[in-house]
């Protein structure tokens, strides 16, 4: 019985942690009227609006020419599925760390990471 409890506890912890994944995400970012999106080559994520997202939007604004311009970014973030019965993208990213913003900074970061 004790072994069953240990195995069950281990499986519970293992599967409960699979919902959130920590990732380095590279893509194009846009923030408009209280909503934000990051678009990569093969994904589109909604962005959780919090203080880190607002900081990212502020840094990205310096690289925009118009309201609907997307800005290349590299962030570290955790992914989770949207809540049921809510509108928006299926996958949501929570910005944990801003690595680079703007095309020149993003290219430099990519080059320095490949060395």
PDB file of N, CA and C in Angstrom:
ATOM      1  N   UNK A   1       0.824  -1.188   0.000  1.00  0.00           N
ATOM      2  CA  UNK A   1       0.000   0.000   0.000  1.00  0.00           C
ATOM      3  C   UNK A   1       0.875   1.262   0.000  1.00  0.00           C
ATOM      4  N   UNK A   2       1.963   1.228   0.744  1.00  0.00           N
ATOM      5  CA  UNK A   2       2.857   2.367   0.817  1.00  0.00           C
ATOM      6  C   UNK A   2       3.486   2.645  -0.555  1.00  0.00           C
ATOM      7  N   UNK A   3       3.855   1.573  -1.273  1.00  0.00           N
ATOM      8  CA  UNK A   3       4.444   1.739  -2.599  1.00  0.00           C
ATOM      9  C   UNK A   3       3.428   2.341  -3.572  1.00  0.00           C
ATOM     10  N   UNK A   4       2.175   1.907  -3.475  1.00  0.00           N
ATOM     11  CA  UNK A   4       1.120   2.459  -4.322  1.00  0.00           C
ATOM     12  C   UNK A   4       0.984   3.965  -4.088  1.00  0.00           C
ATOM     13  N   UNK A   5       1.011   4.386  -2.836  1.00  0.00           N
ATOM     14  CA  UNK A   5       0.903   5.797  -2.498  1.00  0.00           C
ATOM     15  C   UNK A   5       2.081   6.584  -3.068  1.00  0.00           C
ATOM     16  N   UNK A   6       3.281   6.061  -2.965  1.00  0.00           N
ATOM     17  CA  UNK A   6       4.477   6.740  -3.474  1.00  0.00           C
ATOM     18  C   UNK A   6       4.404   6.865  -4.993  1.00  0.00           C
ATOM     19  N   UNK A   7       4.062   5.776  -5.670  1.00  0.00           N
ATOM     20  CA  UNK A   7       3.964   5.805  -7.129  1.00  0.00           C
ATOM     21  C   UNK A   7       2.857   6.757  -7.572  1.00  0.00           C
ATOM     22  N   UNK A   8       1.720   6.716  -6.905  1.00  0.00           N
ATOM     23  CA  UNK A   8       0.608   7.613  -7.242  1.00  0.00           C
ATOM     24  C   UNK A   8       0.998   9.074  -7.051  1.00  0.00           C
ATOM     25  N   UNK A   9       1.685   9.369  -5.968  1.00  0.00           N
ATOM     26  CA  UNK A   9       2.139  10.738  -5.708  1.00  0.00           C
ATOM     27  C   UNK A   9       3.116  11.201  -6.773  1.00  0.00           C
ATOM     28  N   UNK A  10       4.038  10.333  -7.142  1.00  0.00           N
ATOM     29  CA  UNK A  10       5.018  10.669  -8.174  1.00  0.00           C
ATOM     30  C   UNK A  10       4.320  10.970  -9.500  1.00  0.00           C
ATOM     31  N   UNK A  11       3.357  10.130  -9.897  1.00  0.00           N
ATOM     32  CA  UNK A  11       2.640  10.337 -11.152  1.00  0.00           C
ATOM     33  C   UNK A  11       1.809  11.611 -11.120  1.00  0.00           C
ATOM     34  N   UNK A  12       1.208  11.899  -9.990  1.00  0.00           N
ATOM     35  CA  UNK A  12       0.426  13.115  -9.851  1.00  0.00           C
ATOM     36  C   UNK A  12       1.313  14.347 -10.048  1.00  0.00           C
ATOM     37  N   UNK A  13       2.460  14.361  -9.419  1.00  0.00           N
ATOM     38  CA  UNK A  13       3.387  15.484  -9.556  1.00  0.00           C
ATOM     39  C   UNK A  13       3.894  15.581 -10.984  1.00  0.00           C
ATOM     40  N   UNK A  14       4.233  14.461 -11.579  1.00  0.00           N
ATOM     41  CA  UNK A  14       4.759  14.438 -12.945  1.00  0.00           C
ATOM     42  C   UNK A  14       3.755  15.007 -13.932  1.00  0.00           C
ATOM     43  N   UNK A  15       2.510  14.569 -13.873  1.00  0.00           N
ATOM     44  CA  UNK A  15       1.514  15.024 -14.832  1.00  0.00           C
ATOM     45  C   UNK A  15       0.994  16.421 -14.539  1.00  0.00           C
ATOM     46  N   UNK A  16       1.028  16.853 -13.322  1.00  0.00           N
ATOM     47  CA  UNK A  16       0.570  18.208 -13.021  1.00  0.00           C
ATOM     48  C   UNK A  16       1.581  19.246 -13.480  1.00  0.00           C
ATOM     49  N   UNK A  17       2.832  18.869 -13.632  1.00  0.00           N
ATOM     50  CA  UNK A  17       3.865  19.804 -14.075  1.00  0.00           C
ATOM     51  C   UNK A  17       3.962  19.892 -15.589  1.00  0.00           C
ATOM     52  N   UNK A  18       3.312  19.017 -16.323  1.00  0.00           N
ATOM     53  CA  UNK A  18       3.449  19.028 -17.777  1.00  0.00           C
ATOM     54  C   UNK A  18       2.642  20.123 -18.441  1.00  0.00           C
ATOM     55  N   UNK A  19       1.727  20.764 -17.740  1.00  0.00           N
ATOM     56  CA  UNK A  19       0.895  21.799 -18.333  1.00  0.00           C
ATOM     57  C   UNK A  19       1.690  23.057 -18.658  1.00  0.00           C
ATOM     58  N   UNK A  20       2.654  23.412 -17.838  1.00  0.00           N
ATOM     59  CA  UNK A  20       3.443  24.618 -18.056  1.00  0.00           C
ATOM     60  C   UNK A  20       4.852  24.235 -18.497  1.00  0.00           C
ATOM     61  N   UNK A  21       5.321  24.922 -19.545  1.00  0.00           N
ATOM     62  CA  UNK A  21       6.652  24.646 -20.077  1.00  0.00           C
ATOM     63  C   UNK A  21       7.421  25.954 -20.162  1.00  0.00           C
ATOM     64  N   UNK A  22       8.651  25.950 -19.742  1.00  0.00           N
ATOM     65  CA  UNK A  22       9.520  27.123 -19.813  1.00  0.00           C
ATOM     66  C   UNK A  22      10.242  27.086 -21.161  1.00  0.00           C
ATOM     67  N   UNK A  23      10.208  28.184 -21.909  1.00  0.00           N
ATOM     68  CA  UNK A  23      10.768  28.209 -23.249  1.00  0.00           C
ATOM     69  C   UNK A  23      11.444  29.533 -23.541  1.00  0.00           C
ATOM     70  N   UNK A  24      12.435  29.468 -24.431  1.00  0.00           N
ATOM     71  CA  UNK A  24      12.946  30.672 -25.065  1.00  0.00           C
ATOM     72  C   UNK A  24      12.173  30.798 -26.363  1.00  0.00           C
ATOM     73  N   UNK A  25      11.514  31.913 -26.539  1.00  0.00           N
ATOM     74  CA  UNK A  25      10.615  32.108 -27.674  1.00  0.00           C
ATOM     75  C   UNK A  25      11.124  33.268 -28.516  1.00  0.00           C
ATOM     76  N   UNK A  26      11.281  33.009 -29.816  1.00  0.00           N
ATOM     77  CA  UNK A  26      11.681  34.025 -30.776  1.00  0.00           C
ATOM     78  C   UNK A  26      10.542  34.224 -31.759  1.00  0.00           C
ATOM     79  N   UNK A  27      10.130  35.451 -31.940  1.00  0.00           N
ATOM     80  CA  UNK A  27       9.039  35.722 -32.868  1.00  0.00           C
ATOM     81  C   UNK A  27       8.809  37.207 -33.012  1.00  0.00           C
ATOM     82  N   UNK A  28       7.686  37.538 -33.615  1.00  0.00           N
ATOM     83  CA  UNK A  28       7.293  38.932 -33.804  1.00  0.00           C
ATOM     84  C   UNK A  28       6.180  39.252 -32.820  1.00  0.00           C
ATOM     85  N   UNK A  29       6.301  40.395 -32.162  1.00  0.00           N
ATOM     86  CA  UNK A  29       5.400  40.788 -31.080  1.00  0.00           C
ATOM     87  C   UNK A  29       4.575  41.992 -31.498  1.00  0.00           C
ATOM     88  N   UNK A  30       3.297  41.973 -31.107  1.00  0.00           N
ATOM     89  CA  UNK A  30       2.444  43.150 -31.289  1.00  0.00           C
ATOM     90  C   UNK A  30       1.542  43.288 -30.059  1.00  0.00           C
ATOM     91  N   UNK A  31       1.370  44.533 -29.632  1.00  0.00           N
ATOM     92  CA  UNK A  31       0.477  44.852 -28.519  1.00  0.00           C
ATOM     93  C   UNK A  31      -0.458  45.955 -28.992  1.00  0.00           C
ATOM     94  N   UNK A  32      -1.762  45.655 -28.955  1.00  0.00           N
ATOM     95  CA  UNK A  32      -2.761  46.637 -29.380  1.00  0.00           C
ATOM     96  C   UNK A  32      -3.956  46.552 -28.438  1.00  0.00           C
ATOM     97  N   UNK A  33      -4.322  47.671 -27.859  1.00  0.00           N
ATOM     98  CA  UNK A  33      -5.559  47.806 -27.085  1.00  0.00           C
ATOM     99  C   UNK A  33      -5.793  46.651 -26.113  1.00  0.00           C
ATOM    100  N   UNK A  34      -4.882  46.457 -25.195  1.00  0.00           N
ATOM    101  CA  UNK A  34      -5.011  45.455 -24.141  1.00  0.00           C
ATOM    102  C   UNK A  34      -4.991  44.009 -24.619  1.00  0.00           C
ATOM    103  N   UNK A  35      -4.401  43.745 -25.760  1.00  0.00           N
ATOM    104  CA  UNK A  35      -4.171  42.365 -26.183  1.00  0.00           C
ATOM    105  C   UNK A  35      -2.820  42.310 -26.889  1.00  0.00           C
ATOM    106  N   UNK A  36      -2.175  41.151 -26.775  1.00  0.00           N
ATOM    107  CA  UNK A  36      -0.842  40.995 -27.358  1.00  0.00           C
ATOM    108  C   UNK A  36      -0.706  39.600 -27.947  1.00  0.00           C
ATOM    109  N   UNK A  37       0.140  39.507 -28.976  1.00  0.00           N
ATOM    110  CA  UNK A  37       0.371  38.253 -29.678  1.00  0.00           C
ATOM    111  C   UNK A  37       1.851  38.144 -30.009  1.00  0.00           C
ATOM    112  N   UNK A  38       2.373  36.917 -29.932  1.00  0.00           N
ATOM    113  CA  UNK A  38       3.707  36.621 -30.455  1.00  0.00           C
ATOM    114  C   UNK A  38       3.522  35.601 -31.569  1.00  0.00           C
ATOM    115  N   UNK A  39       4.051  35.930 -32.763  1.00  0.00           N
ATOM    116  CA  UNK A  39       3.923  35.064 -33.930  1.00  0.00           C
ATOM    117  C   UNK A  39       5.314  34.592 -34.334  1.00  0.00           C
ATOM    118  N   UNK A  40       5.472  33.268 -34.388  1.00  0.00           N
ATOM    119  CA  UNK A  40       6.721  32.686 -34.848  1.00  0.00           C
ATOM    120  C   UNK A  40       6.533  32.046 -36.200  1.00  0.00           C
ATOM    121  N   UNK A  41       7.534  31.278 -36.630  1.00  0.00           N
ATOM    122  CA  UNK A  41       7.443  30.623 -37.930  1.00  0.00           C
ATOM    123  C   UNK A  41       6.317  29.605 -37.986  1.00  0.00           C
ATOM    124  N   UNK A  42       6.075  28.894 -36.886  1.00  0.00           N
ATOM    125  CA  UNK A  42       5.067  27.832 -36.896  1.00  0.00           C
ATOM    126  C   UNK A  42       4.121  27.892 -35.692  1.00  0.00           C
ATOM    127  N   UNK A  43       3.947  29.065 -35.113  1.00  0.00           N
ATOM    128  CA  UNK A  43       3.043  29.197 -33.966  1.00  0.00           C
ATOM    129  C   UNK A  43       2.531  30.629 -33.863  1.00  0.00           C
ATOM    130  N   UNK A  44       1.420  30.773 -33.175  1.00  0.00           N
ATOM    131  CA  UNK A  44       0.912  32.073 -32.735  1.00  0.00           C
ATOM    132  C   UNK A  44       0.444  31.879 -31.300  1.00  0.00           C
ATOM    133  N   UNK A  45       0.988  32.679 -30.386  1.00  0.00           N
ATOM    134  CA  UNK A  45       0.619  32.601 -28.983  1.00  0.00           C
ATOM    135  C   UNK A  45      -0.044  33.911 -28.558  1.00  0.00           C
ATOM    136  N   UNK A  46      -1.096  33.796 -27.785  1.00  0.00           N
ATOM    137  CA  UNK A  46      -1.609  34.951 -27.082  1.00  0.00           C
ATOM    138  C   UNK A  46      -0.654  35.252 -25.940  1.00  0.00           C
ATOM    139  N   UNK A  47      -0.609  36.479 -25.499  1.00  0.00           N
ATOM    140  CA  UNK A  47       0.313  36.861 -24.423  1.00  0.00           C
ATOM    141  C   UNK A  47      -0.487  37.310 -23.218  1.00  0.00           C
ATOM    142  N   UNK A  48      -0.155  36.749 -22.059  1.00  0.00           N
ATOM    143  CA  UNK A  48      -0.793  37.146 -20.801  1.00  0.00           C
ATOM    144  C   UNK A  48      -0.379  38.579 -20.491  1.00  0.00           C
ATOM    145  N   UNK A  49      -1.351  39.442 -20.251  1.00  0.00           N
ATOM    146  CA  UNK A  49      -1.064  40.849 -19.984  1.00  0.00           C
ATOM    147  C   UNK A  49      -0.735  41.026 -18.501  1.00  0.00           C
ATOM    148  N   UNK A  50       0.499  41.427 -18.236  1.00  0.00           N
ATOM    149  CA  UNK A  50       0.971  41.716 -16.886  1.00  0.00           C
ATOM    150  C   UNK A  50       2.075  42.758 -16.985  1.00  0.00           C
ATOM    151  N   UNK A  51       2.771  43.004 -15.924  1.00  0.00           N
ATOM    152  CA  UNK A  51       3.791  44.060 -15.932  1.00  0.00           C
ATOM    153  C   UNK A  51       4.942  43.752 -16.891  1.00  0.00           C
ATOM    154  N   UNK A  52       5.307  42.477 -17.038  1.00  0.00           N
ATOM    155  CA  UNK A  52       6.382  42.124 -17.982  1.00  0.00           C
ATOM    156  C   UNK A  52       5.932  42.368 -19.422  1.00  0.00           C
ATOM    157  N   UNK A  53       4.691  42.066 -19.721  1.00  0.00           N
ATOM    158  CA  UNK A  53       4.167  42.312 -21.069  1.00  0.00           C
ATOM    159  C   UNK A  53       4.123  43.806 -21.354  1.00  0.00           C
ATOM    160  N   UNK A  54       3.737  44.593 -20.365  1.00  0.00           N
ATOM    161  CA  UNK A  54       3.703  46.038 -20.552  1.00  0.00           C
ATOM    162  C   UNK A  54       5.114  46.599 -20.769  1.00  0.00           C
ATOM    163  N   UNK A  55       6.101  46.032 -20.070  1.00  0.00           N
ATOM    164  CA  UNK A  55       7.493  46.445 -20.283  1.00  0.00           C
ATOM    165  C   UNK A  55       7.945  46.071 -21.697  1.00  0.00           C
ATOM    166  N   UNK A  56       7.587  44.867 -22.146  1.00  0.00           N
ATOM    167  CA  UNK A  56       7.919  44.428 -23.503  1.00  0.00           C
ATOM    168  C   UNK A  56       7.260  45.357 -24.531  1.00  0.00           C
ATOM    169  N   UNK A  57       6.004  45.705 -24.315  1.00  0.00           N
ATOM    170  CA  UNK A  57       5.294  46.609 -25.232  1.00  0.00           C
ATOM    171  C   UNK A  57       5.971  47.981 -25.276  1.00  0.00           C
ATOM    172  N   UNK A  58       6.409  48.457 -24.134  1.00  0.00           N
ATOM    173  CA  UNK A  58       7.089  49.754 -24.065  1.00  0.00           C
ATOM    174  C   UNK A  58       8.406  49.717 -24.836  1.00  0.00           C
ATOM    175  N   UNK A  59       9.187  48.645 -24.651  1.00  0.00           N
ATOM    176  CA  UNK A  59      10.458  48.517 -25.371  1.00  0.00           C
ATOM    177  C   UNK A  59      10.221  48.338 -26.870  1.00  0.00           C
ATOM    178  N   UNK A  60       9.186  47.595 -27.244  1.00  0.00           N
ATOM    179  CA  UNK A  60       8.887  47.348 -28.657  1.00  0.00           C
ATOM    180  C   UNK A  60       8.394  48.612 -29.359  1.00  0.00           C
ATOM    181  N   UNK A  61       7.722  49.501 -28.633  1.00  0.00           N
ATOM    182  CA  UNK A  61       7.174  50.725 -29.231  1.00  0.00           C
ATOM    183  C   UNK A  61       8.262  51.576 -29.879  1.00  0.00           C
ATOM    184  N   UNK A  62       9.472  51.507 -29.363  1.00  0.00           N
ATOM    185  CA  UNK A  62      10.570  52.291 -29.917  1.00  0.00           C
ATOM    186  C   UNK A  62      10.968  51.821 -31.317  1.00  0.00           C
ATOM    187  N   UNK A  63      10.582  50.604 -31.692  1.00  0.00           N
ATOM    188  CA  UNK A  63      10.960  50.041 -32.995  1.00  0.00           C
ATOM    189  C   UNK A  63       9.806  50.055 -33.993  1.00  0.00           C
ATOM    190  N   UNK A  64       8.634  50.554 -33.585  1.00  0.00           N
ATOM    191  CA  UNK A  64       7.460  50.554 -34.449  1.00  0.00           C
ATOM    192  C   UNK A  64       7.354  51.861 -35.229  1.00  0.00           C
ATOM    193  N   UNK A  65       6.958  51.746 -36.508  1.00  0.00           N
ATOM    194  CA  UNK A  65       6.665  52.927 -37.309  1.00  0.00           C
ATOM    195  C   UNK A  65       5.173  53.239 -37.301  1.00  0.00           C
ATOM    196  N   UNK A  66       4.354  52.208 -37.157  1.00  0.00           N
ATOM    197  CA  UNK A  66       2.903  52.377 -37.137  1.00  0.00           C
ATOM    198  C   UNK A  66       2.291  51.524 -36.043  1.00  0.00           C
ATOM    199  N   UNK A  67       1.012  51.721 -35.797  1.00  0.00           N
ATOM    200  CA  UNK A  67       0.328  51.016 -34.720  1.00  0.00           C
ATOM    201  C   UNK A  67       0.303  49.508 -34.901  1.00  0.00           C
ATOM    202  N   UNK A  68       0.318  49.041 -36.159  1.00  0.00           N
ATOM    203  CA  UNK A  68       0.158  47.620 -36.419  1.00  0.00           C
ATOM    204  C   UNK A  68       1.463  46.923 -36.825  1.00  0.00           C
ATOM    205  N   UNK A  69       2.599  47.570 -36.588  1.00  0.00           N
ATOM    206  CA  UNK A  69       3.893  46.953 -36.873  1.00  0.00           C
ATOM    207  C   UNK A  69       4.209  45.897 -35.820  1.00  0.00           C
ATOM    208  N   UNK A  70       4.785  44.782 -36.277  1.00  0.00           N
ATOM    209  CA  UNK A  70       5.243  43.737 -35.360  1.00  0.00           C
ATOM    210  C   UNK A  70       6.751  43.914 -35.175  1.00  0.00           C
ATOM    211  N   UNK A  71       7.219  43.653 -33.968  1.00  0.00           N
ATOM    212  CA  UNK A  71       8.621  43.858 -33.623  1.00  0.00           C
ATOM    213  C   UNK A  71       9.244  42.517 -33.249  1.00  0.00           C
ATOM    214  N   UNK A  72      10.413  42.182 -33.830  1.00  0.00           N
ATOM    215  CA  UNK A  72      11.070  40.928 -33.459  1.00  0.00           C
ATOM    216  C   UNK A  72      11.533  40.967 -32.001  1.00  0.00           C
ATOM    217  N   UNK A  73      11.305  39.853 -31.309  1.00  0.00           N
ATOM    218  CA  UNK A  73      11.679  39.763 -29.894  1.00  0.00           C
ATOM    219  C   UNK A  73      12.220  38.373 -29.586  1.00  0.00           C
ATOM    220  N   UNK A  74      12.950  38.297 -28.496  1.00  0.00           N
ATOM    221  CA  UNK A  74      13.337  37.019 -27.890  1.00  0.00           C
ATOM    222  C   UNK A  74      12.989  37.150 -26.414  1.00  0.00           C
ATOM    223  N   UNK A  75      12.183  36.206 -25.926  1.00  0.00           N
ATOM    224  CA  UNK A  75      11.794  36.219 -24.517  1.00  0.00           C
ATOM    225  C   UNK A  75      11.966  34.828 -23.924  1.00  0.00           C
ATOM    226  N   UNK A  76      11.928  34.779 -22.628  1.00  0.00           N
ATOM    227  CA  UNK A  76      11.805  33.521 -21.913  1.00  0.00           C
ATOM    228  C   UNK A  76      10.411  33.545 -21.301  1.00  0.00           C
ATOM    229  N   UNK A  77       9.667  32.457 -21.475  1.00  0.00           N
ATOM    230  CA  UNK A  77       8.312  32.465 -20.965  1.00  0.00           C
ATOM    231  C   UNK A  77       7.782  31.071 -20.706  1.00  0.00           C
ATOM    232  N   UNK A  78       6.665  31.014 -20.029  1.00  0.00           N
ATOM    233  CA  UNK A  78       6.015  29.731 -19.758  1.00  0.00           C
ATOM    234  C   UNK A  78       4.709  29.673 -20.533  1.00  0.00           C
ATOM    235  N   UNK A  79       4.454  28.514 -21.128  1.00  0.00           N
ATOM    236  CA  UNK A  79       3.267  28.306 -21.947  1.00  0.00           C
ATOM    237  C   UNK A  79       2.196  27.574 -21.159  1.00  0.00           C
ATOM    238  N   UNK A  80       0.955  27.946 -21.401  1.00  0.00           N
ATOM    239  CA  UNK A  80      -0.164  27.212 -20.824  1.00  0.00           C
ATOM    240  C   UNK A  80      -1.356  27.336 -21.763  1.00  0.00           C
ATOM    241  N   UNK A  81      -2.298  26.442 -21.631  1.00  0.00           N
ATOM    242  CA  UNK A  81      -3.496  26.464 -22.459  1.00  0.00           C
ATOM    243  C   UNK A  81      -4.462  27.506 -21.913  1.00  0.00           C
ATOM    244  N   UNK A  82      -5.254  28.100 -22.806  1.00  0.00           N
ATOM    245  CA  UNK A  82      -6.253  29.082 -22.358  1.00  0.00           C
ATOM    246  C   UNK A  82      -7.320  28.378 -21.532  1.00  0.00           C
ATOM    247  N   UNK A  83      -7.997  29.140 -20.713  1.00  0.00           N
ATOM    248  CA  UNK A  83      -9.077  28.588 -19.903  1.00  0.00           C
ATOM    249  C   UNK A  83     -10.241  28.208 -20.808  1.00  0.00           C
ATOM    250  N   UNK A  84     -10.956  27.158 -20.431  1.00  0.00           N
ATOM    251  CA  UNK A  84     -12.108  26.725 -21.213  1.00  0.00           C
ATOM    252  C   UNK A  84     -13.177  27.809 -21.227  1.00  0.00           C
ATOM    253  N   UNK A  85     -13.911  27.850 -22.319  1.00  0.00           N
ATOM    254  CA  UNK A  85     -15.011  28.801 -22.514  1.00  0.00           C
ATOM    255  C   UNK A  85     -14.565  30.256 -22.524  1.00  0.00           C
ATOM    256  N   UNK A  86     -13.306  30.506 -22.918  1.00  0.00           N
ATOM    257  CA  UNK A  86     -12.827  31.871 -23.079  1.00  0.00           C
ATOM    258  C   UNK A  86     -12.383  32.059 -24.520  1.00  0.00           C
ATOM    259  N   UNK A  87     -12.408  33.297 -24.974  1.00  0.00           N
ATOM    260  CA  UNK A  87     -11.980  33.608 -26.328  1.00  0.00           C
ATOM    261  C   UNK A  87     -10.470  33.805 -26.349  1.00  0.00           C
ATOM    262  N   UNK A  88      -9.894  33.679 -27.532  1.00  0.00           N
ATOM    263  CA  UNK A  88      -8.469  33.952 -27.684  1.00  0.00           C
ATOM    264  C   UNK A  88      -7.710  32.758 -28.224  1.00  0.00           C
ATOM    265  N   UNK A  89      -6.417  32.888 -28.263  1.00  0.00           N
ATOM    266  CA  UNK A  89      -5.536  31.850 -28.784  1.00  0.00           C
ATOM    267  C   UNK A  89      -5.522  30.657 -27.852  1.00  0.00           C
ATOM    268  N   UNK A  90      -5.342  29.466 -28.426  1.00  0.00           N
ATOM    269  CA  UNK A  90      -5.337  28.238 -27.629  1.00  0.00           C
ATOM    270  C   UNK A  90      -4.179  28.197 -26.642  1.00  0.00           C
ATOM    271  N   UNK A  91      -3.014  28.699 -27.064  1.00  0.00           N
ATOM    272  CA  UNK A  91      -1.832  28.690 -26.204  1.00  0.00           C
ATOM    273  C   UNK A  91      -1.493  30.110 -25.789  1.00  0.00           C
ATOM    274  N   UNK A  92      -1.253  30.282 -24.497  1.00  0.00           N
ATOM    275  CA  UNK A  92      -0.932  31.583 -23.918  1.00  0.00           C
ATOM    276  C   UNK A  92       0.488  31.524 -23.362  1.00  0.00           C
ATOM    277  N   UNK A  93       1.246  32.597 -23.568  1.00  0.00           N
ATOM    278  CA  UNK A  93       2.589  32.667 -23.003  1.00  0.00           C
ATOM    279  C   UNK A  93       2.608  33.750 -21.931  1.00  0.00           C
ATOM    280  N   UNK A  94       3.264  33.436 -20.821  1.00  0.00           N
ATOM    281  CA  UNK A  94       3.505  34.408 -19.759  1.00  0.00           C
ATOM    282  C   UNK A  94       4.962  34.819 -19.885  1.00  0.00           C
ATOM    283  N   UNK A  95       5.219  36.089 -20.108  1.00  0.00           N
ATOM    284  CA  UNK A  95       6.579  36.586 -20.276  1.00  0.00           C
ATOM    285  C   UNK A  95       7.273  36.589 -18.915  1.00  0.00           C
ATOM    286  N   UNK A  96       8.355  35.798 -18.821  1.00  0.00           N
ATOM    287  CA  UNK A  96       9.120  35.745 -17.574  1.00  0.00           C
ATOM    288  C   UNK A  96      10.373  36.614 -17.632  1.00  0.00           C
ATOM    289  N   UNK A  97      10.959  36.719 -18.842  1.00  0.00           N
ATOM    290  CA  UNK A  97      12.203  37.475 -18.994  1.00  0.00           C
ATOM    291  C   UNK A  97      12.282  38.000 -20.417  1.00  0.00           C
ATOM    292  N   UNK A  98      12.666  39.258 -20.576  1.00  0.00           N
ATOM    293  CA  UNK A  98      12.871  39.854 -21.894  1.00  0.00           C
ATOM    294  C   UNK A  98      14.351  39.727 -22.219  1.00  0.00           C
ATOM    295  N   UNK A  99      14.664  39.020 -23.295  1.00  0.00           N
ATOM    296  CA  UNK A  99      16.062  38.813 -23.680  1.00  0.00           C
ATOM    297  C   UNK A  99      16.510  39.864 -24.688  1.00  0.00           C
ATOM    298  N   UNK A 100      15.717  40.086 -25.748  1.00  0.00           N
ATOM    299  CA  UNK A 100      16.079  41.077 -26.764  1.00  0.00           C
ATOM    300  C   UNK A 100      14.819  41.594 -27.444  1.00  0.00           C
ATOM    301  N   UNK A 101      14.870  42.879 -27.847  1.00  0.00           N
ATOM    302  CA  UNK A 101      13.755  43.520 -28.536  1.00  0.00           C
ATOM    303  C   UNK A 101      14.312  44.325 -29.697  1.00  0.00           C
ATOM    304  N   UNK A 102      13.663  44.256 -30.852  1.00  0.00           N
ATOM    305  CA  UNK A 102      14.089  45.021 -32.019  1.00  0.00           C
ATOM    306  C   UNK A 102      15.001  44.203 -32.904  1.00  0.00           C
ATOM    307  N   UNK A 103      14.949  44.456 -34.187  1.00  0.00           N
ATOM    308  CA  UNK A 103      15.635  43.594 -35.152  1.00  0.00           C
ATOM    309  C   UNK A 103      17.140  43.515 -34.930  1.00  0.00           C
ATOM    310  N   UNK A 104      17.810  44.619 -34.670  1.00  0.00           N
ATOM    311  CA  UNK A 104      19.261  44.582 -34.479  1.00  0.00           C
ATOM    312  C   UNK A 104      19.619  43.817 -33.208  1.00  0.00           C
ATOM    313  N   UNK A 105      18.931  44.096 -32.108  1.00  0.00           N
ATOM    314  CA  UNK A 105      19.207  43.397 -30.855  1.00  0.00           C
ATOM    315  C   UNK A 105      18.935  41.901 -30.980  1.00  0.00           C
ATOM    316  N   UNK A 106      17.851  41.545 -31.665  1.00  0.00           N
ATOM    317  CA  UNK A 106      17.496  40.135 -31.823  1.00  0.00           C
ATOM    318  C   UNK A 106      18.556  39.426 -32.654  1.00  0.00           C
ATOM    319  N   UNK A 107      18.988  40.045 -33.760  1.00  0.00           N
ATOM    320  CA  UNK A 107      20.031  39.423 -34.584  1.00  0.00           C
ATOM    321  C   UNK A 107      21.328  39.258 -33.803  1.00  0.00           C
ATOM    322  N   UNK A 108      21.720  40.266 -33.025  1.00  0.00           N
ATOM    323  CA  UNK A 108      22.947  40.171 -32.224  1.00  0.00           C
ATOM    324  C   UNK A 108      22.828  39.061 -31.196  1.00  0.00           C
ATOM    325  N   UNK A 109      21.682  38.932 -30.562  1.00  0.00           N
ATOM    326  CA  UNK A 109      21.477  37.881 -29.565  1.00  0.00           C
ATOM    327  C   UNK A 109      21.565  36.498 -30.210  1.00  0.00           C
ATOM    328  N   UNK A 110      20.977  36.331 -31.396  1.00  0.00           N
ATOM    329  CA  UNK A 110      21.056  35.052 -32.092  1.00  0.00           C
ATOM    330  C   UNK A 110      22.491  34.704 -32.433  1.00  0.00           C
ATOM    331  N   UNK A 111      23.269  35.687 -32.909  1.00  0.00           N
ATOM    332  CA  UNK A 111      24.665  35.460 -33.268  1.00  0.00           C
ATOM    333  C   UNK A 111      25.482  35.091 -32.043  1.00  0.00           C
ATOM    334  N   UNK A 112      25.284  35.809 -30.927  1.00  0.00           N
ATOM    335  CA  UNK A 112      26.071  35.528 -29.731  1.00  0.00           C
ATOM    336  C   UNK A 112      25.715  34.167 -29.126  1.00  0.00           C
ATOM    337  N   UNK A 113      24.489  33.693 -29.335  1.00  0.00           N
ATOM    338  CA  UNK A 113      24.093  32.396 -28.810  1.00  0.00           C
ATOM    339  C   UNK A 113      24.596  31.231 -29.656  1.00  0.00           C
ATOM    340  N   UNK A 114      24.974  31.492 -30.902  1.00  0.00           N
ATOM    341  CA  UNK A 114      25.475  30.417 -31.768  1.00  0.00           C
ATOM    342  C   UNK A 114      26.969  30.240 -31.648  1.00  0.00           C
ATOM    343  N   UNK A 115      27.645  31.136 -30.970  1.00  0.00           N
ATOM    344  CA  UNK A 115      29.117  31.026 -30.821  1.00  0.00           C
ATOM    345  C   UNK A 115      29.470  30.107 -29.693  1.00  0.00           C
TER     346      UNK A 115
END
